[in-house]
């Protein structure tokens, strides 16, 4: 049987993080994220938070700069990567990341077959 592993963020479990006030949670974040939250959320990010609080289904967003907060864990979001919406279920391991980090904008480069490589070898 696979046991559920407990994930910690800065020494606190998800339940402990959810019990913290917003200011206490912000103090745990790295300085870059702390400053972003201190400046305040944009109108679009605030709308996203309101949708998450109301537990709407099929939430889609372009807010790639939004930080994953403890109250967002368990939600399913569609994050825009420039071409399409990538469906992501937020887990406790993602706390403190930005949504853009979860939906890559570039695909892995084309891997060419061996035919082109053989031509190069013949020239040598």
N, C-alpha and C. Protein backbone atom coordinates (compact mmCIF):
# COMPACT_ATOMS: atom_id res chain seq x y z
N UNK A 1 0.83 -1.18 0.00
CA UNK A 1 0.00 0.00 0.00
C UNK A 1 0.87 1.25 0.00
N UNK A 2 0.50 2.18 -0.84
CA UNK A 2 1.26 3.43 -0.92
C UNK A 2 0.72 4.41 0.12
N UNK A 3 1.59 4.88 0.96
CA UNK A 3 1.19 5.85 1.97
C UNK A 3 1.23 7.25 1.39
N UNK A 4 0.32 8.09 1.85
CA UNK A 4 0.33 9.48 1.41
C UNK A 4 1.50 10.18 2.07
N UNK A 5 2.37 10.74 1.25
CA UNK A 5 3.50 11.45 1.84
C UNK A 5 3.08 12.86 2.24
N UNK A 6 3.62 13.31 3.33
CA UNK A 6 3.30 14.64 3.82
C UNK A 6 4.30 15.62 3.22
N UNK A 7 3.78 16.64 2.58
CA UNK A 7 4.62 17.65 1.94
C UNK A 7 4.67 18.86 2.86
N UNK A 8 5.87 19.36 3.07
CA UNK A 8 6.08 20.52 3.93
C UNK A 8 6.52 21.70 3.08
N UNK A 9 6.05 22.89 3.44
CA UNK A 9 6.55 24.13 2.85
C UNK A 9 7.08 24.97 4.00
N UNK A 10 8.38 25.19 4.01
CA UNK A 10 9.05 25.93 5.07
C UNK A 10 8.73 25.34 6.45
N UNK A 11 8.66 24.00 6.52
CA UNK A 11 8.45 23.31 7.79
C UNK A 11 7.01 23.22 8.23
N UNK A 12 6.06 23.60 7.38
CA UNK A 12 4.64 23.57 7.75
C UNK A 12 3.86 22.71 6.76
N UNK A 13 2.89 21.96 7.27
CA UNK A 13 2.04 21.14 6.42
C UNK A 13 0.98 22.02 5.77
N UNK A 14 0.23 21.45 4.84
CA UNK A 14 -0.81 22.19 4.14
C UNK A 14 -1.88 22.69 5.12
N UNK A 15 -2.28 21.86 6.06
CA UNK A 15 -3.30 22.27 7.03
C UNK A 15 -2.81 23.46 7.87
N UNK A 16 -1.54 23.40 8.28
CA UNK A 16 -0.97 24.51 9.06
C UNK A 16 -0.91 25.79 8.23
N UNK A 17 -0.58 25.66 6.94
CA UNK A 17 -0.50 26.83 6.06
C UNK A 17 -1.88 27.46 5.87
N UNK A 18 -2.91 26.62 5.75
CA UNK A 18 -4.26 27.15 5.56
C UNK A 18 -4.76 27.89 6.80
N UNK A 19 -4.27 27.50 7.99
CA UNK A 19 -4.68 28.15 9.23
C UNK A 19 -3.98 29.50 9.44
N UNK A 20 -2.84 29.70 8.76
CA UNK A 20 -2.09 30.96 8.93
C UNK A 20 -2.85 32.12 8.32
N UNK A 21 -2.65 33.31 8.86
CA UNK A 21 -3.21 34.50 8.23
C UNK A 21 -2.40 34.77 6.96
N UNK A 22 -2.96 35.63 6.12
CA UNK A 22 -2.30 35.93 4.84
C UNK A 22 -0.94 36.57 5.08
N UNK A 23 -0.83 37.44 6.09
CA UNK A 23 0.44 38.11 6.39
C UNK A 23 1.48 37.12 6.89
N UNK A 24 1.05 36.15 7.72
CA UNK A 24 1.99 35.14 8.23
C UNK A 24 2.48 34.25 7.10
N UNK A 25 1.58 33.88 6.17
CA UNK A 25 2.00 33.06 5.03
C UNK A 25 2.96 33.84 4.15
N UNK A 26 2.67 35.12 3.92
CA UNK A 26 3.53 35.95 3.08
C UNK A 26 4.93 36.04 3.65
N UNK A 27 5.06 36.04 4.97
CA UNK A 27 6.38 36.11 5.60
C UNK A 27 7.21 34.86 5.32
N UNK A 28 6.57 33.74 4.99
CA UNK A 28 7.30 32.50 4.68
C UNK A 28 7.86 32.49 3.26
N UNK A 29 7.30 33.31 2.38
CA UNK A 29 7.69 33.30 0.97
C UNK A 29 9.05 33.94 0.76
N UNK A 30 9.74 33.59 -0.35
CA UNK A 30 10.98 34.28 -0.70
C UNK A 30 10.70 35.75 -1.01
N UNK A 31 11.73 36.57 -0.97
CA UNK A 31 11.56 38.02 -1.08
C UNK A 31 10.88 38.46 -2.38
N UNK A 32 11.18 37.81 -3.49
CA UNK A 32 10.58 38.20 -4.77
C UNK A 32 9.05 38.04 -4.73
N UNK A 33 8.59 36.92 -4.19
CA UNK A 33 7.15 36.68 -4.11
C UNK A 33 6.50 37.56 -3.05
N UNK A 34 7.23 37.80 -1.95
CA UNK A 34 6.73 38.67 -0.89
C UNK A 34 6.48 40.08 -1.44
N UNK A 35 7.42 40.58 -2.24
CA UNK A 35 7.27 41.92 -2.80
C UNK A 35 6.11 41.98 -3.77
N UNK A 36 5.91 40.93 -4.57
CA UNK A 36 4.79 40.91 -5.51
C UNK A 36 3.46 40.99 -4.77
N UNK A 37 3.33 40.22 -3.69
CA UNK A 37 2.09 40.24 -2.92
C UNK A 37 1.91 41.58 -2.22
N UNK A 38 3.01 42.16 -1.74
CA UNK A 38 2.93 43.47 -1.06
C UNK A 38 2.44 44.56 -2.01
N UNK A 39 2.84 44.49 -3.28
CA UNK A 39 2.37 45.46 -4.28
C UNK A 39 0.89 45.28 -4.56
N UNK A 40 0.35 44.10 -4.28
CA UNK A 40 -1.07 43.84 -4.49
C UNK A 40 -1.33 43.06 -5.75
N UNK A 41 -2.48 42.42 -5.78
CA UNK A 41 -2.86 41.62 -6.94
C UNK A 41 -3.48 42.52 -7.99
N UNK A 42 -3.31 42.15 -9.26
CA UNK A 42 -3.96 42.89 -10.34
C UNK A 42 -5.45 42.56 -10.33
N UNK A 43 -6.19 43.28 -11.14
CA UNK A 43 -7.64 43.05 -11.21
C UNK A 43 -7.93 41.63 -11.70
N UNK A 44 -7.16 41.17 -12.68
CA UNK A 44 -7.37 39.81 -13.22
C UNK A 44 -7.03 38.75 -12.18
N UNK A 45 -5.96 38.97 -11.42
CA UNK A 45 -5.59 38.01 -10.38
C UNK A 45 -6.63 37.98 -9.28
N UNK A 46 -7.21 39.13 -8.96
CA UNK A 46 -8.26 39.19 -7.93
C UNK A 46 -9.51 38.44 -8.40
N UNK A 47 -9.85 38.57 -9.70
CA UNK A 47 -10.99 37.83 -10.25
C UNK A 47 -10.73 36.33 -10.17
N UNK A 48 -9.49 35.92 -10.45
CA UNK A 48 -9.14 34.50 -10.37
C UNK A 48 -9.31 33.99 -8.95
N UNK A 49 -8.85 34.75 -7.96
CA UNK A 49 -9.01 34.36 -6.56
C UNK A 49 -10.49 34.26 -6.17
N UNK A 50 -11.31 35.18 -6.67
CA UNK A 50 -12.74 35.15 -6.37
C UNK A 50 -13.39 33.90 -6.96
N UNK A 51 -12.99 33.53 -8.19
CA UNK A 51 -13.53 32.32 -8.81
C UNK A 51 -13.12 31.08 -8.03
N UNK A 52 -11.89 31.06 -7.53
CA UNK A 52 -11.41 29.91 -6.76
C UNK A 52 -12.16 29.82 -5.44
N UNK A 53 -12.42 30.95 -4.79
CA UNK A 53 -13.16 30.95 -3.53
C UNK A 53 -14.59 30.44 -3.72
N UNK A 54 -15.19 30.75 -4.88
CA UNK A 54 -16.57 30.31 -5.14
C UNK A 54 -16.62 28.90 -5.71
N UNK A 55 -15.47 28.24 -5.85
CA UNK A 55 -15.35 26.86 -6.33
C UNK A 55 -16.02 26.66 -7.69
N UNK A 56 -15.78 27.59 -8.60
CA UNK A 56 -16.29 27.44 -9.97
C UNK A 56 -15.59 26.28 -10.66
N UNK A 57 -16.25 25.73 -11.66
CA UNK A 57 -15.65 24.66 -12.46
C UNK A 57 -15.07 25.28 -13.73
N UNK A 58 -14.11 24.60 -14.32
CA UNK A 58 -13.49 25.01 -15.59
C UNK A 58 -12.98 26.44 -15.56
N UNK A 59 -12.13 26.73 -14.60
CA UNK A 59 -11.53 28.06 -14.50
C UNK A 59 -10.37 28.13 -15.48
N UNK A 60 -10.40 29.12 -16.36
CA UNK A 60 -9.31 29.34 -17.30
C UNK A 60 -8.71 30.71 -17.02
N UNK A 61 -7.38 30.80 -17.15
CA UNK A 61 -6.74 32.07 -16.83
C UNK A 61 -5.53 32.32 -17.72
N UNK A 62 -5.24 33.60 -17.90
CA UNK A 62 -4.03 34.05 -18.57
C UNK A 62 -3.02 34.57 -17.55
N UNK A 63 -3.36 34.53 -16.28
CA UNK A 63 -2.52 35.09 -15.21
C UNK A 63 -1.38 34.15 -14.89
N UNK A 64 -0.34 34.18 -15.68
CA UNK A 64 0.81 33.29 -15.48
C UNK A 64 1.69 33.76 -14.32
N UNK A 65 1.55 35.01 -13.90
CA UNK A 65 2.36 35.55 -12.81
C UNK A 65 1.76 35.31 -11.43
N UNK A 66 0.55 34.74 -11.39
CA UNK A 66 -0.12 34.49 -10.11
C UNK A 66 0.63 33.42 -9.32
N UNK A 67 0.74 33.63 -8.02
CA UNK A 67 1.43 32.71 -7.12
C UNK A 67 0.44 31.69 -6.60
N UNK A 68 0.85 30.42 -6.52
CA UNK A 68 -0.01 29.38 -5.98
C UNK A 68 -0.06 29.54 -4.46
N UNK A 69 -1.25 29.79 -3.94
CA UNK A 69 -1.48 30.00 -2.51
C UNK A 69 -2.08 28.73 -1.91
N UNK A 70 -2.00 28.55 -0.60
CA UNK A 70 -2.53 27.33 0.03
C UNK A 70 -4.02 27.11 -0.22
N UNK A 71 -4.82 28.18 -0.33
CA UNK A 71 -6.25 27.99 -0.56
C UNK A 71 -6.56 27.57 -2.00
N UNK A 72 -5.58 27.57 -2.88
CA UNK A 72 -5.78 27.17 -4.27
C UNK A 72 -5.52 25.68 -4.48
N UNK A 73 -4.97 25.00 -3.50
CA UNK A 73 -4.61 23.59 -3.64
C UNK A 73 -5.87 22.76 -3.85
N UNK A 74 -5.80 21.86 -4.82
CA UNK A 74 -6.93 20.98 -5.15
C UNK A 74 -7.78 21.50 -6.30
N UNK A 75 -7.60 22.74 -6.70
CA UNK A 75 -8.37 23.31 -7.80
C UNK A 75 -7.79 22.89 -9.15
N UNK A 76 -8.65 22.81 -10.14
CA UNK A 76 -8.22 22.48 -11.51
C UNK A 76 -8.31 23.76 -12.33
N UNK A 77 -7.18 24.18 -12.89
CA UNK A 77 -7.12 25.41 -13.67
C UNK A 77 -6.68 25.13 -15.09
N UNK A 78 -7.13 25.95 -16.01
CA UNK A 78 -6.61 25.96 -17.37
C UNK A 78 -5.70 27.16 -17.49
N UNK A 79 -4.40 26.92 -17.66
CA UNK A 79 -3.41 28.00 -17.72
C UNK A 79 -2.99 28.18 -19.16
N UNK A 80 -3.08 29.40 -19.66
CA UNK A 80 -2.78 29.68 -21.07
C UNK A 80 -1.27 29.68 -21.29
N UNK A 81 -0.81 28.95 -22.31
CA UNK A 81 0.62 28.89 -22.59
C UNK A 81 0.99 29.64 -23.86
N UNK A 82 0.07 30.43 -24.40
CA UNK A 82 0.35 31.18 -25.62
C UNK A 82 -0.35 30.60 -26.82
N UNK A 83 -0.77 29.35 -26.73
CA UNK A 83 -1.45 28.69 -27.83
C UNK A 83 -2.75 28.03 -27.38
N UNK A 84 -2.70 27.40 -26.20
CA UNK A 84 -3.86 26.68 -25.69
C UNK A 84 -3.86 26.71 -24.16
N UNK A 85 -4.93 26.26 -23.57
CA UNK A 85 -5.02 26.19 -22.12
C UNK A 85 -4.55 24.82 -21.66
N UNK A 86 -3.54 24.79 -20.80
CA UNK A 86 -3.00 23.55 -20.25
C UNK A 86 -3.73 23.29 -18.93
N UNK A 87 -4.36 22.12 -18.83
CA UNK A 87 -5.14 21.79 -17.65
C UNK A 87 -4.20 21.28 -16.55
N UNK A 88 -4.26 21.93 -15.39
CA UNK A 88 -3.38 21.60 -14.26
C UNK A 88 -4.23 21.47 -13.00
N UNK A 89 -3.97 20.42 -12.22
CA UNK A 89 -4.58 20.29 -10.89
C UNK A 89 -3.51 20.73 -9.89
N UNK A 90 -3.80 21.74 -9.11
CA UNK A 90 -2.83 22.29 -8.17
C UNK A 90 -2.68 21.38 -6.95
N UNK A 91 -1.44 21.04 -6.61
CA UNK A 91 -1.16 20.18 -5.46
C UNK A 91 -0.37 20.98 -4.43
N UNK A 92 -0.20 20.37 -3.25
CA UNK A 92 0.51 21.07 -2.18
C UNK A 92 1.99 21.25 -2.49
N UNK A 93 2.53 20.48 -3.42
CA UNK A 93 3.93 20.64 -3.81
C UNK A 93 4.15 21.90 -4.64
N UNK A 94 3.08 22.47 -5.18
CA UNK A 94 3.17 23.63 -6.07
C UNK A 94 3.06 24.96 -5.33
N UNK A 95 2.85 24.94 -4.02
CA UNK A 95 2.71 26.18 -3.26
C UNK A 95 3.98 27.02 -3.40
N UNK A 96 3.81 28.29 -3.70
CA UNK A 96 4.94 29.20 -3.84
C UNK A 96 5.46 29.31 -5.26
N UNK A 97 4.95 28.50 -6.18
CA UNK A 97 5.34 28.62 -7.59
C UNK A 97 4.40 29.58 -8.29
N UNK A 98 4.81 30.06 -9.45
CA UNK A 98 3.93 30.87 -10.27
C UNK A 98 3.22 29.95 -11.25
N UNK A 99 2.03 30.32 -11.67
CA UNK A 99 1.26 29.47 -12.58
C UNK A 99 1.99 29.25 -13.90
N UNK A 100 2.75 30.25 -14.34
CA UNK A 100 3.49 30.14 -15.59
C UNK A 100 4.55 29.05 -15.57
N UNK A 101 5.05 28.73 -14.39
CA UNK A 101 6.05 27.66 -14.27
C UNK A 101 5.43 26.29 -14.50
N UNK A 102 4.12 26.19 -14.36
CA UNK A 102 3.43 24.91 -14.48
C UNK A 102 2.94 24.63 -15.89
N UNK A 103 2.90 25.65 -16.74
CA UNK A 103 2.44 25.50 -18.12
C UNK A 103 3.53 26.02 -19.06
N UNK A 104 4.46 25.16 -19.47
CA UNK A 104 5.57 25.62 -20.31
C UNK A 104 5.09 26.15 -21.67
N UNK A 105 5.77 27.18 -22.15
CA UNK A 105 5.39 27.81 -23.42
C UNK A 105 6.10 27.19 -24.61
N UNK A 106 7.15 26.46 -24.36
CA UNK A 106 7.92 25.85 -25.45
C UNK A 106 7.92 24.35 -25.32
N UNK A 107 7.89 23.70 -26.47
CA UNK A 107 7.96 22.24 -26.47
C UNK A 107 9.41 21.83 -26.66
N UNK A 108 9.70 20.59 -26.36
CA UNK A 108 11.05 20.06 -26.55
C UNK A 108 11.33 20.04 -28.05
N UNK A 109 12.54 20.43 -28.41
CA UNK A 109 12.92 20.55 -29.82
C UNK A 109 12.74 19.26 -30.62
N UNK A 110 12.74 19.40 -31.91
CA UNK A 110 12.55 18.27 -32.82
C UNK A 110 13.78 17.37 -32.76
N UNK A 111 13.55 16.10 -32.63
CA UNK A 111 14.64 15.13 -32.68
C UNK A 111 14.67 14.54 -34.08
N UNK A 112 15.76 14.74 -34.77
CA UNK A 112 15.86 14.29 -36.14
C UNK A 112 16.21 12.81 -36.19
N UNK A 113 15.80 12.19 -37.29
CA UNK A 113 16.07 10.76 -37.45
C UNK A 113 17.54 10.54 -37.78
N UNK A 114 17.93 9.31 -37.86
CA UNK A 114 19.32 8.96 -38.12
C UNK A 114 19.76 9.21 -39.55
N UNK A 115 18.83 9.41 -40.49
CA UNK A 115 19.19 9.58 -41.90
C UNK A 115 20.08 10.81 -42.10
N UNK A 116 19.74 11.92 -41.50
CA UNK A 116 20.54 13.14 -41.65
C UNK A 116 21.90 12.96 -40.99
N UNK A 117 21.94 12.28 -39.90
CA UNK A 117 23.20 12.06 -39.21
C UNK A 117 24.13 11.18 -40.03
N UNK A 118 23.58 10.22 -40.77
CA UNK A 118 24.40 9.34 -41.61
C UNK A 118 25.03 10.12 -42.75
N UNK A 119 24.31 11.09 -43.33
CA UNK A 119 24.85 11.90 -44.42
C UNK A 119 26.05 12.69 -43.93
N UNK A 120 25.98 13.20 -42.74
CA UNK A 120 27.09 13.99 -42.18
C UNK A 120 28.30 13.11 -41.99
N UNK A 121 28.10 11.88 -41.53
CA UNK A 121 29.22 10.96 -41.33
C UNK A 121 29.90 10.58 -42.63
N UNK A 122 29.13 10.44 -43.73
CA UNK A 122 29.71 10.06 -45.03
C UNK A 122 30.62 11.17 -45.56
N UNK A 123 30.32 12.41 -45.29
CA UNK A 123 31.12 13.52 -45.80
C UNK A 123 32.50 13.55 -45.16
N UNK A 124 32.65 13.06 -43.98
CA UNK A 124 33.93 13.12 -43.27
C UNK A 124 34.92 12.21 -43.84
